[in-house]
């Protein structure tokens, strides 16, 4: 594509600074104040949430706000957030405008639903009827003590080790006003999908402040534990925001998959274009477990998903499928890391990106590492991008590191415009050029979208994609 920029990039040295990051510390203090002022006595005194905040605060002192000098943020500019006036939303501080959940009541799959409004679980909007008595789905504030001690407390004790110098994860831990919990016991196949909705609302005190530097911030957090032999279908959906106010959703999801368990994970982000979506997903897979993630990113001004997966046992299966759509002034960024440590692991990654505007920008940094003991591994990675406008940009850095000698591994990357031969095939059958291009572009993204386990969400996403294209 002669008029577009396509780059396959090589690593660059990381910037190392020793002095404290005062901006990050100041933001951490704002989050601590928001919790102490508006969270309510029950939330402030909850020992699990307090342990999460304390552990995250200790690590935050050592973190740095990322810049273009850091390899992980070389092509993703978050400086505008640092230049903004970030206001953590305080529970009960302002009147929340009426919510719109168009289409949710018409779900055909009768899913279990958890709705987080600005990071806090809403019992009124959630729907947990039909949950088996041995399963817990809800807020940490209502979880039975025996389940807390068995499943949640050990994970929170290790939460600070997951931060790994990630400033945004540490901020999430400090500012988390709630913790969504999904606990599925041994050998239970959960028939209904669990639909988790993160809804961002405008605040009236921001309605008249048109200055773009004012950004409201929320920190939703979710923990999912699929015990040995269990089966779970999880749907995470990010929606909401308005064009008049800027909102930053800074979320963390941790998924624990024990031996023989299976988790399918649909993730759909359709927030307003003025929003910022930062997501961190941690997945740990034990022996003979299965994890499938289908991630569709259509909204937000800046959307970044950091996906970190570790195979902690043999005969483990991992599938990652991602579709990014970049329109005017949109940045869609996927940073994924999969670590295979044991024999006979299986991994597949398909990343697809469409940049349909000259100011759109797609970023992909995918790392699959096959360590020495991961013999007989079968791993494949493929990144494909379409550039549909002059000066459209994709930065792709696929990486497959192999330290074992008995493996079957492949990877590849392709960045181009539409295939002229395919267009000619349509034209030769009497189909006009615009219809032909539209069909080819839609089918490019549909290859990932059709892998969504939730057919209701698949239909909704396809309709939205058609309207955006």
Protein backbone atom coordinates (compact mmCIF):
# COMPACT_ATOMS: atom_id res chain seq x y z
CA UNK A 1 0.00 0.00 0.00
CA UNK A 2 2.06 2.87 -1.33
CA UNK A 3 0.20 5.71 0.40
CA UNK A 4 -0.24 4.03 3.80
CA UNK A 5 2.23 3.28 6.51
CA UNK A 6 2.75 -0.33 7.53
CA UNK A 7 5.51 -1.20 9.92
CA UNK A 8 6.80 -4.41 11.42
CA UNK A 9 8.87 -3.11 14.28
CA UNK A 10 11.80 -4.34 16.31
CA UNK A 11 12.24 -3.89 20.09
CA UNK A 12 13.91 -0.82 21.44
CA UNK A 13 15.76 -0.33 24.71
CA UNK A 14 13.50 0.39 27.68
CA UNK A 15 13.78 3.68 29.49
CA UNK A 16 14.89 3.34 33.08
CA UNK A 17 14.26 6.07 35.60
CA UNK A 18 15.08 6.01 39.28
CA UNK A 19 13.20 9.02 40.58
CA UNK A 20 9.57 8.72 41.80
CA UNK A 21 6.75 9.44 39.41
CA UNK A 22 5.01 12.30 41.19
CA UNK A 23 2.09 12.42 38.76
CA UNK A 24 1.33 8.75 39.41
CA UNK A 25 1.64 9.24 43.16
CA UNK A 26 -0.68 12.24 43.03
CA UNK A 27 -3.26 10.25 41.06
CA UNK A 28 -2.96 7.38 43.55
CA UNK A 29 -3.70 9.85 46.36
CA UNK A 30 -6.78 11.09 44.47
CA UNK A 31 -8.02 7.51 44.22
CA UNK A 32 -7.42 6.89 47.92
CA UNK A 33 -9.37 10.05 48.74
CA UNK A 34 -12.25 8.97 46.47
CA UNK A 35 -12.48 5.66 48.33
CA UNK A 36 -12.35 7.23 51.79
CA UNK A 37 -14.94 9.92 50.97
CA UNK A 38 -17.53 8.14 48.94
CA UNK A 39 -17.25 4.37 49.17
CA UNK A 40 -19.45 3.88 52.22
CA UNK A 41 -18.47 2.26 55.49
CA UNK A 42 -19.09 -1.30 54.24
CA UNK A 43 -16.75 -0.85 51.29
CA UNK A 44 -14.07 1.02 53.21
CA UNK A 45 -13.97 -1.57 55.99
CA UNK A 46 -14.10 -4.68 53.76
CA UNK A 47 -10.90 -6.52 54.60
CA UNK A 48 -10.41 -8.06 51.14
CA UNK A 49 -10.80 -4.74 49.32
CA UNK A 50 -8.57 -3.06 51.88
CA UNK A 51 -5.87 -5.71 51.36
CA UNK A 52 -6.11 -5.16 47.60
CA UNK A 53 -5.75 -1.40 47.96
CA UNK A 54 -2.87 -1.63 50.44
CA UNK A 55 -0.89 -4.10 48.30
CA UNK A 56 -1.44 -2.07 45.15
CA UNK A 57 -0.40 1.17 46.89
CA UNK A 58 2.91 -0.39 47.95
CA UNK A 59 3.71 -1.38 44.39
CA UNK A 60 2.52 1.91 42.88
CA UNK A 61 5.49 3.71 44.44
CA UNK A 62 7.82 1.74 42.15
CA UNK A 63 5.77 2.20 38.96
CA UNK A 64 6.21 4.84 36.26
CA UNK A 65 3.70 6.52 33.99
CA UNK A 66 4.48 5.03 30.55
CA UNK A 67 5.90 7.19 27.76
CA UNK A 68 6.99 6.70 24.16
CA UNK A 69 10.44 5.80 25.50
CA UNK A 70 9.00 2.57 26.91
CA UNK A 71 8.93 -0.24 24.37
CA UNK A 72 5.42 -1.34 25.40
CA UNK A 73 4.04 2.17 24.72
CA UNK A 74 6.24 3.10 21.81
CA UNK A 75 3.27 3.56 19.47
CA UNK A 76 0.49 4.19 21.99
CA UNK A 77 0.39 7.75 23.26
CA UNK A 78 -1.07 8.05 26.77
CA UNK A 79 0.48 11.46 27.41
CA UNK A 80 -2.90 13.16 26.86
CA UNK A 81 -4.15 11.40 30.01
CA UNK A 82 -1.22 12.77 31.95
CA UNK A 83 -2.02 16.24 30.60
CA UNK A 84 -5.68 15.88 31.63
CA UNK A 85 -7.46 16.68 34.85
CA UNK A 86 -8.35 13.17 36.00
CA UNK A 87 -11.26 13.00 38.44
CA UNK A 88 -11.94 9.61 40.09
CA UNK A 89 -15.69 9.21 40.42
CA UNK A 90 -16.89 9.10 44.02
CA UNK A 91 -19.86 6.90 44.83
CA UNK A 92 -22.84 9.05 45.69
CA UNK A 93 -21.08 12.33 44.94
CA UNK A 94 -23.26 13.28 41.97
CA UNK A 95 -26.58 12.27 40.59
CA UNK A 96 -26.15 9.68 37.85
CA UNK A 97 -28.17 10.32 34.71
CA UNK A 98 -30.73 7.77 33.57
CA UNK A 99 -29.21 4.61 32.14
CA UNK A 100 -29.98 3.09 28.77
CA UNK A 101 -29.75 -0.69 28.39
CA UNK A 102 -31.39 -1.00 25.01
CA UNK A 103 -31.53 -4.60 23.86
CA UNK A 104 -30.41 -6.19 27.09
CA UNK A 105 -33.92 -7.21 28.14
CA UNK A 106 -34.35 -9.00 24.80
CA UNK A 107 -31.49 -11.41 25.28
CA UNK A 108 -32.49 -14.82 24.03
CA UNK A 109 -29.81 -16.72 25.87
CA UNK A 110 -31.23 -15.93 29.35
CA UNK A 111 -27.77 -15.25 30.64
CA UNK A 112 -26.78 -14.49 34.20
CA UNK A 113 -26.07 -10.77 34.24
CA UNK A 114 -23.81 -8.59 36.38
CA UNK A 115 -23.98 -4.84 35.70
CA UNK A 116 -21.24 -2.58 37.00
CA UNK A 117 -22.14 1.11 36.89
CA UNK A 118 -18.95 3.17 37.14
CA UNK A 119 -17.12 0.25 38.72
CA UNK A 120 -19.75 -0.71 41.31
CA UNK A 121 -22.10 -3.67 41.01
CA UNK A 122 -25.75 -2.66 40.68
CA UNK A 123 -28.06 -5.29 42.28
CA UNK A 124 -31.10 -3.60 40.69
CA UNK A 125 -29.77 -3.95 37.14
CA UNK A 126 -28.13 -7.35 37.61
CA UNK A 127 -29.94 -10.64 37.03
CA UNK A 128 -28.77 -13.69 38.97
CA UNK A 129 -31.91 -15.82 38.93
CA UNK A 130 -31.29 -19.46 38.16
CA UNK A 131 -27.73 -19.57 39.50
CA UNK A 132 -27.04 -23.00 41.04
CA UNK A 133 -26.76 -22.76 44.85
CA UNK A 134 -23.18 -24.03 44.85
CA UNK A 135 -22.11 -21.24 42.44
CA UNK A 136 -21.50 -17.68 43.56
CA UNK A 137 -21.93 -14.77 41.15
CA UNK A 138 -21.98 -11.26 42.56
CA UNK A 139 -20.11 -8.64 44.57
CA UNK A 140 -17.45 -9.51 47.08
CA UNK A 141 -19.60 -7.76 49.69
CA UNK A 142 -22.16 -10.57 49.54
CA UNK A 143 -19.87 -13.56 49.10
CA UNK A 144 -20.09 -16.33 51.75
CA UNK A 145 -17.13 -16.30 54.11
CA UNK A 146 -16.09 -19.89 53.36
CA UNK A 147 -15.89 -19.12 49.63
CA UNK A 148 -13.94 -15.94 50.32
CA UNK A 149 -11.36 -17.80 52.35
CA UNK A 150 -11.03 -20.65 49.85
CA UNK A 151 -11.03 -18.78 46.54
CA UNK A 152 -10.71 -15.01 46.91
CA UNK A 153 -8.34 -14.27 49.78
CA UNK A 154 -5.44 -16.34 48.31
CA UNK A 155 -5.80 -14.53 44.97
CA UNK A 156 -5.87 -11.08 46.57
CA UNK A 157 -2.75 -11.98 48.57
CA UNK A 158 -0.97 -12.54 45.23
CA UNK A 159 -2.54 -9.57 43.44
CA UNK A 160 0.42 -7.25 43.97
CA UNK A 161 2.72 -9.74 42.22
CA UNK A 162 0.57 -9.50 39.08
CA UNK A 163 1.14 -5.77 38.67
CA UNK A 164 4.63 -6.25 37.21
CA UNK A 165 5.40 -2.52 37.14
CA UNK A 166 2.10 -1.79 35.35
CA UNK A 167 0.97 1.64 36.49
CA UNK A 168 -2.62 1.15 35.35
CA UNK A 169 -3.05 -2.15 37.22
CA UNK A 170 -1.72 -0.58 40.42
CA UNK A 171 -4.16 2.33 40.02
CA UNK A 172 -7.01 -0.13 39.54
CA UNK A 173 -6.15 -1.89 42.79
CA UNK A 174 -6.01 1.38 44.71
CA UNK A 175 -9.25 2.76 43.28
CA UNK A 176 -11.37 -0.41 43.13
CA UNK A 177 -14.67 0.31 44.89
CA UNK A 178 -15.98 -3.20 44.30
CA UNK A 179 -14.84 -6.66 43.20
CA UNK A 180 -17.04 -8.82 41.03
CA UNK A 181 -16.65 -12.50 41.85
CA UNK A 182 -17.58 -15.59 39.84
CA UNK A 183 -16.86 -18.88 41.65
CA UNK A 184 -17.74 -22.18 39.92
CA UNK A 185 -17.11 -25.40 41.90
CA UNK A 186 -15.56 -28.67 40.77
CA UNK A 187 -17.02 -30.52 37.76
CA UNK A 188 -19.96 -28.14 37.36
CA UNK A 189 -20.95 -27.13 33.84
CA UNK A 190 -22.61 -23.75 34.06
CA UNK A 191 -25.33 -23.88 31.41
CA UNK A 192 -26.07 -20.14 31.30
CA UNK A 193 -23.42 -17.66 30.16
CA UNK A 194 -22.32 -14.99 32.62
CA UNK A 195 -22.75 -11.57 31.01
CA UNK A 196 -20.75 -8.85 32.78
CA UNK A 197 -21.57 -5.32 31.65
CA UNK A 198 -19.35 -2.35 32.54
CA UNK A 199 -21.41 0.80 32.06
CA UNK A 200 -19.86 4.28 32.12
CA UNK A 201 -22.17 7.18 32.89
CA UNK A 202 -21.74 10.94 32.49
CA UNK A 203 -21.85 13.03 35.65
CA UNK A 204 -23.83 16.23 35.86
CA UNK A 205 -20.94 18.15 37.36
CA UNK A 206 -19.00 17.48 34.15
CA UNK A 207 -21.79 18.34 31.73
CA UNK A 208 -20.97 22.05 31.59
CA UNK A 209 -17.23 21.57 31.60
CA UNK A 210 -16.42 21.34 27.94
CA UNK A 211 -12.67 21.47 28.43
CA UNK A 212 -11.26 18.23 26.99
CA UNK A 213 -8.75 17.87 29.81
CA UNK A 214 -11.44 16.79 32.33
CA UNK A 215 -11.54 12.97 32.42
CA UNK A 216 -13.61 10.94 34.90
CA UNK A 217 -12.07 7.63 35.97
CA UNK A 218 -13.48 4.31 37.22
CA UNK A 219 -11.71 1.06 38.16
CA UNK A 220 -13.90 -2.05 37.77
CA UNK A 221 -12.39 -5.39 38.74
CA UNK A 222 -13.47 -9.01 38.23
CA UNK A 223 -12.22 -12.37 39.55
CA UNK A 224 -13.33 -15.63 37.88
CA UNK A 225 -12.39 -19.04 39.30
CA UNK A 226 -13.28 -22.16 37.31
CA UNK A 227 -12.52 -25.09 39.60
CA UNK A 228 -11.29 -28.49 38.45
CA UNK A 229 -13.39 -29.84 35.58
CA UNK A 230 -15.78 -26.84 35.52
CA UNK A 231 -17.12 -25.17 32.35
CA UNK A 232 -17.82 -21.42 32.17
CA UNK A 233 -18.87 -19.04 29.39
CA UNK A 234 -17.97 -15.45 30.30
CA UNK A 235 -19.05 -12.37 28.33
CA UNK A 236 -17.49 -9.01 29.20
CA UNK A 237 -19.08 -5.97 27.57
CA UNK A 238 -17.88 -2.37 27.85
CA UNK A 239 -20.45 0.25 26.90
CA UNK A 240 -21.62 3.77 27.73
CA UNK A 241 -20.10 7.23 27.87
CA UNK A 242 -21.17 10.32 25.93
CA UNK A 243 -19.66 12.59 23.32
CA UNK A 244 -19.88 15.55 25.73
CA UNK A 245 -17.77 14.12 28.55
CA UNK A 246 -14.56 12.07 28.63
CA UNK A 247 -14.48 8.85 30.62
CA UNK A 248 -11.62 6.49 31.42
CA UNK A 249 -12.48 2.89 32.26
CA UNK A 250 -9.43 1.23 33.82
CA UNK A 251 -10.38 -2.42 34.34
CA UNK A 252 -8.69 -5.61 35.52
CA UNK A 253 -9.97 -9.17 35.06
CA UNK A 254 -8.28 -12.23 36.58
CA UNK A 255 -9.31 -15.70 35.40
CA UNK A 256 -8.14 -18.84 37.21
CA UNK A 257 -8.68 -22.09 35.29
CA UNK A 258 -7.92 -25.22 37.28
CA UNK A 259 -7.09 -28.69 35.91
CA UNK A 260 -9.48 -29.93 33.26
CA UNK A 261 -11.63 -26.79 33.39
CA UNK A 262 -12.79 -24.83 30.35
CA UNK A 263 -13.49 -21.10 29.97
CA UNK A 264 -14.73 -19.36 26.83
CA UNK A 265 -14.35 -15.59 27.09
CA UNK A 266 -16.14 -13.09 24.83
CA UNK A 267 -14.98 -9.49 25.20
CA UNK A 268 -16.80 -6.66 23.38
CA UNK A 269 -15.91 -2.97 23.69
CA UNK A 270 -18.31 -0.44 22.12
CA UNK A 271 -17.84 2.66 24.28
CA UNK A 272 -18.33 6.19 22.94
CA UNK A 273 -15.53 7.72 20.87
CA UNK A 274 -14.63 10.21 23.65
CA UNK A 275 -13.90 7.35 26.08
CA UNK A 276 -10.65 5.64 27.02
CA UNK A 277 -10.64 1.91 27.68
CA UNK A 278 -7.64 0.31 29.41
CA UNK A 279 -8.01 -3.40 30.15
CA UNK A 280 -5.69 -5.94 31.77
CA UNK A 281 -6.62 -9.62 31.65
CA UNK A 282 -4.64 -12.25 33.57
CA UNK A 283 -5.28 -15.92 32.82
CA UNK A 284 -3.64 -18.88 34.55
CA UNK A 285 -4.28 -22.34 33.10
CA UNK A 286 -3.54 -25.56 34.92
CA UNK A 287 -3.11 -29.05 33.43
CA UNK A 288 -5.45 -30.09 30.58
CA UNK A 289 -7.45 -26.86 30.82
CA UNK A 290 -8.88 -24.85 27.93
CA UNK A 291 -9.21 -21.09 27.40
CA UNK A 292 -10.67 -19.31 24.38
CA UNK A 293 -10.75 -15.51 24.15
CA UNK A 294 -12.61 -13.65 21.38
CA UNK A 295 -11.96 -9.92 21.69
CA UNK A 296 -13.80 -7.33 19.53
CA UNK A 297 -12.79 -3.67 19.92
CA UNK A 298 -14.97 -1.16 18.05
CA UNK A 299 -15.31 1.92 20.28
CA UNK A 300 -13.31 4.44 22.35
CA UNK A 301 -10.78 7.07 21.38
CA UNK A 302 -8.04 4.90 22.85
CA UNK A 303 -8.53 1.23 23.62
CA UNK A 304 -5.72 -0.93 24.91
CA UNK A 305 -5.97 -4.55 26.02
CA UNK A 306 -3.06 -6.17 27.83
CA UNK A 307 -3.69 -9.93 27.73
CA UNK A 308 -1.35 -12.11 29.80
CA UNK A 309 -1.76 -15.91 29.78
CA UNK A 310 0.34 -18.60 31.44
CA UNK A 311 0.04 -22.34 30.81
CA UNK A 312 0.89 -23.90 34.17
CA UNK A 313 0.39 -27.56 33.19
CA UNK A 314 0.74 -30.01 30.34
CA UNK A 315 -1.86 -30.71 27.60
CA UNK A 316 -3.20 -27.17 27.89
CA UNK A 317 -5.11 -25.41 25.10
CA UNK A 318 -5.25 -21.65 24.42
CA UNK A 319 -7.05 -19.79 21.62
CA UNK A 320 -6.84 -16.00 21.14
CA UNK A 321 -8.87 -14.21 18.46
CA UNK A 322 -8.99 -10.41 18.19
CA UNK A 323 -10.62 -7.93 15.85
CA UNK A 324 -9.74 -4.22 16.00
CA UNK A 325 -11.58 -1.50 14.05
CA UNK A 326 -9.84 1.89 13.82
CA UNK A 327 -11.84 4.85 12.58
CA UNK A 328 -11.23 8.60 12.73
CA UNK A 329 -8.81 9.53 15.54
CA UNK A 330 -9.07 6.04 17.02
CA UNK A 331 -6.20 4.00 18.45
CA UNK A 332 -6.82 0.28 19.00
CA UNK A 333 -3.99 -1.56 20.74
CA UNK A 334 -3.54 -5.24 21.63
CA UNK A 335 -0.56 -6.33 23.70
CA UNK A 336 -0.68 -10.08 24.35
CA UNK A 337 1.72 -12.45 26.04
CA UNK A 338 1.40 -16.24 26.25
CA UNK A 339 3.93 -18.32 28.18
CA UNK A 340 4.11 -22.09 27.66
CA UNK A 341 6.05 -23.98 30.33
CA UNK A 342 4.90 -27.60 30.00
CA UNK A 343 4.76 -30.39 27.38
CA UNK A 344 2.08 -30.79 24.72
CA UNK A 345 0.73 -27.28 24.93
CA UNK A 346 -1.51 -25.98 22.15
CA UNK A 347 -1.88 -22.32 21.20
CA UNK A 348 -3.44 -20.39 18.34
CA UNK A 349 -3.59 -16.62 17.92
CA UNK A 350 -5.41 -14.75 15.15
CA UNK A 351 -5.30 -10.95 15.22
CA UNK A 352 -7.14 -8.90 12.58
CA UNK A 353 -7.27 -5.15 12.23
CA UNK A 354 -9.06 -2.74 9.89
CA UNK A 355 -7.91 0.90 9.69
CA UNK A 356 -10.52 2.78 7.70
CA UNK A 357 -9.42 6.39 8.20
CA UNK A 358 -6.22 8.35 7.64
CA UNK A 359 -6.10 9.25 11.35
CA UNK A 360 -6.79 5.70 12.54
CA UNK A 361 -4.00 3.70 14.16
CA UNK A 362 -3.78 0.00 14.96
CA UNK A 363 -1.13 -1.52 17.23
CA UNK A 364 -0.34 -5.21 17.76
CA UNK A 365 2.40 -6.58 19.99
CA UNK A 366 1.96 -10.33 20.39
CA UNK A 367 4.46 -12.53 22.19
CA UNK A 368 4.29 -16.31 22.43
CA UNK A 369 7.16 -17.84 24.41
CA UNK A 370 7.82 -21.57 24.33
CA UNK A 371 10.14 -22.38 27.23
CA UNK A 372 12.61 -25.25 27.43
CA UNK A 373 10.28 -27.75 29.15
CA UNK A 374 7.40 -27.12 26.73
CA UNK A 375 8.33 -29.96 24.37
CA UNK A 376 5.86 -31.16 21.70
CA UNK A 377 4.19 -27.76 21.68
CA UNK A 378 1.94 -26.82 18.76
CA UNK A 379 1.75 -23.02 18.50
CA UNK A 380 0.64 -20.72 15.70
CA UNK A 381 0.34 -16.94 15.41
CA UNK A 382 -1.11 -14.88 12.55
CA UNK A 383 -1.65 -11.12 12.26
CA UNK A 384 -3.55 -9.63 9.30
CA UNK A 385 -4.42 -5.96 8.78
CA UNK A 386 -6.34 -3.96 6.17
CA UNK A 387 -5.40 -0.34 5.44
CA UNK A 388 -8.31 1.33 3.66
CA UNK A 389 -7.20 4.99 3.56
CA UNK A 390 -4.08 6.98 2.70
CA UNK A 391 -1.73 7.44 5.69
CA UNK A 392 -3.61 4.83 7.71
CA UNK A 393 -1.17 3.21 10.14
CA UNK A 394 -0.59 -0.20 11.66
CA UNK A 395 2.37 -1.09 13.85
CA UNK A 396 2.72 -4.87 14.13
CA UNK A 397 5.29 -6.75 16.18
CA UNK A 398 4.51 -10.48 16.21
CA UNK A 399 6.96 -12.53 18.25
CA UNK A 400 7.33 -16.28 18.63
CA UNK A 401 10.22 -17.24 20.95
CA UNK A 402 11.13 -20.92 20.89
CA UNK A 403 13.47 -22.39 23.51
CA UNK A 404 12.43 -26.03 23.03
CA UNK A 405 13.60 -28.29 20.18
CA UNK A 406 10.66 -30.69 19.69
CA UNK A 407 7.91 -28.28 18.63
CA UNK A 408 5.65 -27.34 15.72
CA UNK A 409 5.40 -23.55 15.57
CA UNK A 410 4.46 -21.03 12.87
CA UNK A 411 3.77 -17.32 12.69
CA UNK A 412 3.13 -14.68 10.08
CA UNK A 413 1.99 -11.12 9.45
CA UNK A 414 0.32 -9.43 6.47
CA UNK A 415 -0.62 -5.75 5.99
CA UNK A 416 -2.31 -4.63 2.77
CA UNK A 417 -5.31 -3.12 1.03
CA UNK A 418 -8.07 -5.33 -0.40
CA UNK A 419 -7.05 -7.96 -2.94
CA UNK A 420 -7.72 -6.64 -6.45
CA UNK A 421 -8.33 -10.18 -7.71
CA UNK A 422 -11.15 -10.62 -5.22
CA UNK A 423 -12.67 -7.29 -6.27
CA UNK A 424 -12.44 -8.34 -9.91
CA UNK A 425 -14.25 -11.60 -9.06
CA UNK A 426 -17.21 -9.60 -7.71
CA UNK A 427 -17.19 -7.10 -10.61
CA UNK A 428 -17.16 -9.89 -13.16
CA UNK A 429 -20.45 -11.11 -11.70
CA UNK A 430 -22.18 -7.76 -12.00
CA UNK A 431 -21.59 -6.46 -8.46
CA UNK A 432 -20.60 -2.79 -8.25
CA UNK A 433 -17.27 -1.79 -6.74
CA UNK A 434 -18.67 -0.23 -3.54
CA UNK A 435 -20.80 -3.27 -2.71
CA UNK A 436 -17.87 -5.56 -3.44
CA UNK A 437 -15.51 -3.62 -1.16
CA UNK A 438 -18.12 -3.49 1.61
CA UNK A 439 -18.67 -7.25 1.43
CA UNK A 440 -14.95 -8.03 1.51
CA UNK A 441 -14.24 -5.64 4.39
CA UNK A 442 -17.12 -6.98 6.47
CA UNK A 443 -16.14 -10.60 5.88
CA UNK A 444 -12.58 -9.76 6.95
CA UNK A 445 -13.83 -8.86 10.44
CA UNK A 446 -16.59 -11.46 10.49
CA UNK A 447 -13.99 -14.24 10.59
CA UNK A 448 -13.35 -13.30 14.24
CA UNK A 449 -16.84 -12.08 15.17
CA UNK A 450 -18.46 -15.36 14.16
CA UNK A 451 -16.32 -17.11 16.78
CA UNK A 452 -18.17 -15.34 19.61
CA UNK A 453 -19.90 -17.99 21.73
CA UNK A 454 -22.83 -15.68 22.48
CA UNK A 455 -24.97 -15.63 19.34
CA UNK A 456 -26.95 -12.69 20.72
CA UNK A 457 -23.78 -10.63 21.06
CA UNK A 458 -22.55 -11.86 17.68
CA UNK A 459 -25.67 -10.54 15.96
CA UNK A 460 -25.44 -7.22 17.82
CA UNK A 461 -21.76 -6.74 16.97
CA UNK A 462 -22.30 -7.59 13.30
CA UNK A 463 -25.04 -4.98 13.01
CA UNK A 464 -22.85 -2.37 14.70
CA UNK A 465 -19.89 -3.21 12.45
CA UNK A 466 -22.03 -2.79 9.35
CA UNK A 467 -23.18 0.64 10.50
CA UNK A 468 -19.61 1.73 11.30
CA UNK A 469 -18.26 0.54 7.97
